[in-house]
């Protein structure tokens, strides 16, 4: 039972990761941002302005998963 290397789709600060394990795939999504100390952080919470980027990232992820050869 071997896990596949994760694939990433990024649109701006939104990243969707495709996880594969023996033909079964799942996805996770996160947003990267800089905090008040100018350090990079990650969260699963999205702001209203992140929604168009999240939609585009999910559409690209779907295409990558469905059209994968």
N, C-alpha and C. Protein backbone atom coordinates (compact mmCIF):
# COMPACT_ATOMS: atom_id res chain seq x y z
N UNK A 1 0.84 -1.17 0.00
CA UNK A 1 0.00 0.00 0.00
C UNK A 1 0.89 1.24 0.00
N UNK A 2 1.00 1.87 -1.15
CA UNK A 2 1.87 3.02 -1.29
C UNK A 2 1.07 4.29 -1.52
N UNK A 3 1.41 5.33 -0.78
CA UNK A 3 0.75 6.62 -0.95
C UNK A 3 1.41 7.37 -2.10
N UNK A 4 0.58 8.10 -2.86
CA UNK A 4 1.09 8.91 -3.95
C UNK A 4 1.60 10.23 -3.41
N UNK A 5 2.53 10.85 -4.13
CA UNK A 5 3.04 12.16 -3.76
C UNK A 5 1.92 13.18 -3.93
N UNK A 6 1.69 14.05 -2.94
CA UNK A 6 0.61 15.03 -3.07
C UNK A 6 0.88 16.02 -4.20
N UNK A 7 -0.19 16.47 -4.86
CA UNK A 7 -0.11 17.48 -5.90
C UNK A 7 -0.75 18.75 -5.36
N UNK A 8 -0.24 19.90 -5.82
CA UNK A 8 -0.72 21.18 -5.30
C UNK A 8 -1.23 22.06 -6.44
N UNK A 9 -2.29 22.79 -6.16
CA UNK A 9 -2.82 23.81 -7.06
C UNK A 9 -2.88 25.10 -6.25
N UNK A 10 -2.25 26.15 -6.78
CA UNK A 10 -2.22 27.43 -6.06
C UNK A 10 -2.84 28.53 -6.89
N UNK A 11 -3.63 29.35 -6.25
CA UNK A 11 -4.18 30.57 -6.86
C UNK A 11 -4.05 31.65 -5.79
N UNK A 12 -3.12 32.57 -5.99
CA UNK A 12 -2.87 33.58 -4.96
C UNK A 12 -2.44 32.91 -3.68
N UNK A 13 -3.05 33.29 -2.56
CA UNK A 13 -2.72 32.69 -1.28
C UNK A 13 -3.49 31.43 -0.96
N UNK A 14 -4.27 30.94 -1.92
CA UNK A 14 -5.07 29.73 -1.71
C UNK A 14 -4.33 28.53 -2.30
N UNK A 15 -4.24 27.47 -1.52
CA UNK A 15 -3.59 26.25 -1.99
C UNK A 15 -4.52 25.06 -1.75
N UNK A 16 -4.72 24.27 -2.80
CA UNK A 16 -5.48 23.03 -2.70
C UNK A 16 -4.49 21.89 -2.91
N UNK A 17 -4.52 20.91 -2.03
CA UNK A 17 -3.64 19.75 -2.13
C UNK A 17 -4.47 18.52 -2.44
N UNK A 18 -4.02 17.76 -3.44
CA UNK A 18 -4.65 16.50 -3.81
C UNK A 18 -3.84 15.38 -3.16
N UNK A 19 -4.51 14.60 -2.34
CA UNK A 19 -3.87 13.48 -1.66
C UNK A 19 -4.37 12.19 -2.29
N UNK A 20 -3.45 11.33 -2.69
CA UNK A 20 -3.83 10.06 -3.29
C UNK A 20 -3.30 8.89 -2.49
N UNK A 21 -4.11 7.85 -2.37
CA UNK A 21 -3.70 6.64 -1.67
C UNK A 21 -4.43 5.46 -2.31
N UNK A 22 -3.69 4.69 -3.10
CA UNK A 22 -4.24 3.51 -3.76
C UNK A 22 -5.48 3.82 -4.59
N UNK A 23 -5.40 4.88 -5.39
CA UNK A 23 -6.50 5.22 -6.29
C UNK A 23 -7.61 6.04 -5.66
N UNK A 24 -7.57 6.23 -4.37
CA UNK A 24 -8.57 7.03 -3.67
C UNK A 24 -8.00 8.42 -3.45
N UNK A 25 -8.73 9.46 -3.85
CA UNK A 25 -8.22 10.82 -3.73
C UNK A 25 -9.09 11.68 -2.82
N UNK A 26 -8.42 12.54 -2.05
CA UNK A 26 -9.10 13.55 -1.25
C UNK A 26 -8.38 14.88 -1.47
N UNK A 27 -9.03 15.97 -1.08
CA UNK A 27 -8.41 17.28 -1.21
C UNK A 27 -8.52 18.05 0.10
N UNK A 28 -7.54 18.91 0.34
CA UNK A 28 -7.58 19.86 1.44
C UNK A 28 -7.28 21.24 0.87
N UNK A 29 -7.77 22.28 1.56
CA UNK A 29 -7.55 23.64 1.08
C UNK A 29 -7.13 24.51 2.26
N UNK A 30 -6.19 25.42 2.00
CA UNK A 30 -5.75 26.34 3.03
C UNK A 30 -5.37 27.68 2.42
N UNK A 31 -5.33 28.70 3.27
CA UNK A 31 -4.94 30.05 2.86
C UNK A 31 -3.67 30.42 3.62
N UNK A 32 -2.72 31.00 2.90
CA UNK A 32 -1.48 31.48 3.49
C UNK A 32 -1.55 32.99 3.63
N UNK A 33 -1.07 33.51 4.75
CA UNK A 33 -1.09 34.95 4.98
C UNK A 33 0.05 35.33 5.93
N UNK A 34 0.38 36.62 5.97
CA UNK A 34 1.38 37.11 6.91
C UNK A 34 0.67 37.72 8.11
N UNK A 35 1.15 37.37 9.29
CA UNK A 35 0.55 37.90 10.52
C UNK A 35 1.13 39.28 10.85
N UNK A 36 0.74 39.84 12.00
CA UNK A 36 1.18 41.18 12.38
C UNK A 36 2.69 41.27 12.62
N UNK A 37 3.34 40.12 12.83
CA UNK A 37 4.80 40.08 13.00
C UNK A 37 5.51 39.79 11.68
N UNK A 38 4.77 39.86 10.57
CA UNK A 38 5.30 39.63 9.23
C UNK A 38 5.81 38.19 9.03
N UNK A 39 5.20 37.24 9.74
CA UNK A 39 5.56 35.83 9.60
C UNK A 39 4.43 35.10 8.89
N UNK A 40 4.80 34.12 8.05
CA UNK A 40 3.82 33.37 7.28
C UNK A 40 3.04 32.41 8.17
N UNK A 41 1.73 32.41 7.98
CA UNK A 41 0.83 31.52 8.70
C UNK A 41 -0.10 30.83 7.70
N UNK A 42 -0.72 29.74 8.14
CA UNK A 42 -1.70 29.03 7.31
C UNK A 42 -2.98 28.86 8.10
N UNK A 43 -4.11 28.93 7.38
CA UNK A 43 -5.41 28.75 8.01
C UNK A 43 -6.36 28.10 7.02
N UNK A 44 -7.40 27.50 7.53
CA UNK A 44 -8.45 26.94 6.68
C UNK A 44 -9.62 27.90 6.57
N UNK A 45 -9.56 29.02 7.28
CA UNK A 45 -10.62 30.03 7.22
C UNK A 45 -10.41 30.93 6.01
N UNK A 46 -11.50 31.25 5.34
CA UNK A 46 -11.43 32.11 4.16
C UNK A 46 -12.19 33.39 4.40
N UNK A 47 -11.70 34.48 3.81
CA UNK A 47 -12.40 35.76 3.84
C UNK A 47 -13.22 35.88 2.56
N UNK A 48 -14.12 36.84 2.52
CA UNK A 48 -14.98 36.99 1.34
C UNK A 48 -14.14 37.21 0.08
N UNK A 49 -13.05 37.96 0.18
CA UNK A 49 -12.21 38.21 -1.00
C UNK A 49 -11.42 36.98 -1.44
N UNK A 50 -11.34 35.97 -0.58
CA UNK A 50 -10.65 34.73 -0.95
C UNK A 50 -11.54 33.79 -1.75
N UNK A 51 -12.84 33.99 -1.70
CA UNK A 51 -13.78 33.04 -2.32
C UNK A 51 -13.57 32.88 -3.83
N UNK A 52 -13.40 33.96 -4.61
CA UNK A 52 -13.16 33.75 -6.05
C UNK A 52 -11.89 32.94 -6.32
N UNK A 53 -10.83 33.18 -5.53
CA UNK A 53 -9.59 32.42 -5.70
C UNK A 53 -9.80 30.95 -5.31
N UNK A 54 -10.57 30.72 -4.26
CA UNK A 54 -10.85 29.35 -3.83
C UNK A 54 -11.66 28.61 -4.89
N UNK A 55 -12.64 29.29 -5.47
CA UNK A 55 -13.45 28.67 -6.53
C UNK A 55 -12.57 28.29 -7.70
N UNK A 56 -11.70 29.22 -8.14
CA UNK A 56 -10.81 28.94 -9.26
C UNK A 56 -9.86 27.80 -8.94
N UNK A 57 -9.30 27.80 -7.74
CA UNK A 57 -8.38 26.73 -7.33
C UNK A 57 -9.08 25.37 -7.31
N UNK A 58 -10.32 25.34 -6.82
CA UNK A 58 -11.08 24.09 -6.79
C UNK A 58 -11.45 23.62 -8.20
N UNK A 59 -11.79 24.56 -9.09
CA UNK A 59 -12.08 24.19 -10.48
C UNK A 59 -10.84 23.60 -11.15
N UNK A 60 -9.68 24.22 -10.94
CA UNK A 60 -8.44 23.71 -11.52
C UNK A 60 -8.10 22.34 -10.94
N UNK A 61 -8.35 22.17 -9.65
CA UNK A 61 -8.09 20.89 -9.00
C UNK A 61 -8.99 19.81 -9.58
N UNK A 62 -10.26 20.13 -9.77
CA UNK A 62 -11.20 19.17 -10.34
C UNK A 62 -10.75 18.76 -11.74
N UNK A 63 -10.36 19.74 -12.56
CA UNK A 63 -9.88 19.42 -13.91
C UNK A 63 -8.66 18.51 -13.85
N UNK A 64 -7.74 18.81 -12.95
CA UNK A 64 -6.52 18.01 -12.81
C UNK A 64 -6.85 16.57 -12.40
N UNK A 65 -7.82 16.41 -11.51
CA UNK A 65 -8.18 15.08 -11.03
C UNK A 65 -8.96 14.29 -12.08
N UNK A 66 -9.88 14.94 -12.77
CA UNK A 66 -10.75 14.25 -13.72
C UNK A 66 -10.04 13.98 -15.04
N UNK A 67 -9.24 14.93 -15.49
CA UNK A 67 -8.58 14.80 -16.79
C UNK A 67 -7.21 14.15 -16.69
N UNK A 68 -6.83 13.72 -15.50
CA UNK A 68 -5.52 13.09 -15.30
C UNK A 68 -5.42 11.81 -16.11
N UNK A 69 -4.32 11.68 -16.81
CA UNK A 69 -4.14 10.49 -17.66
C UNK A 69 -3.20 9.51 -17.02
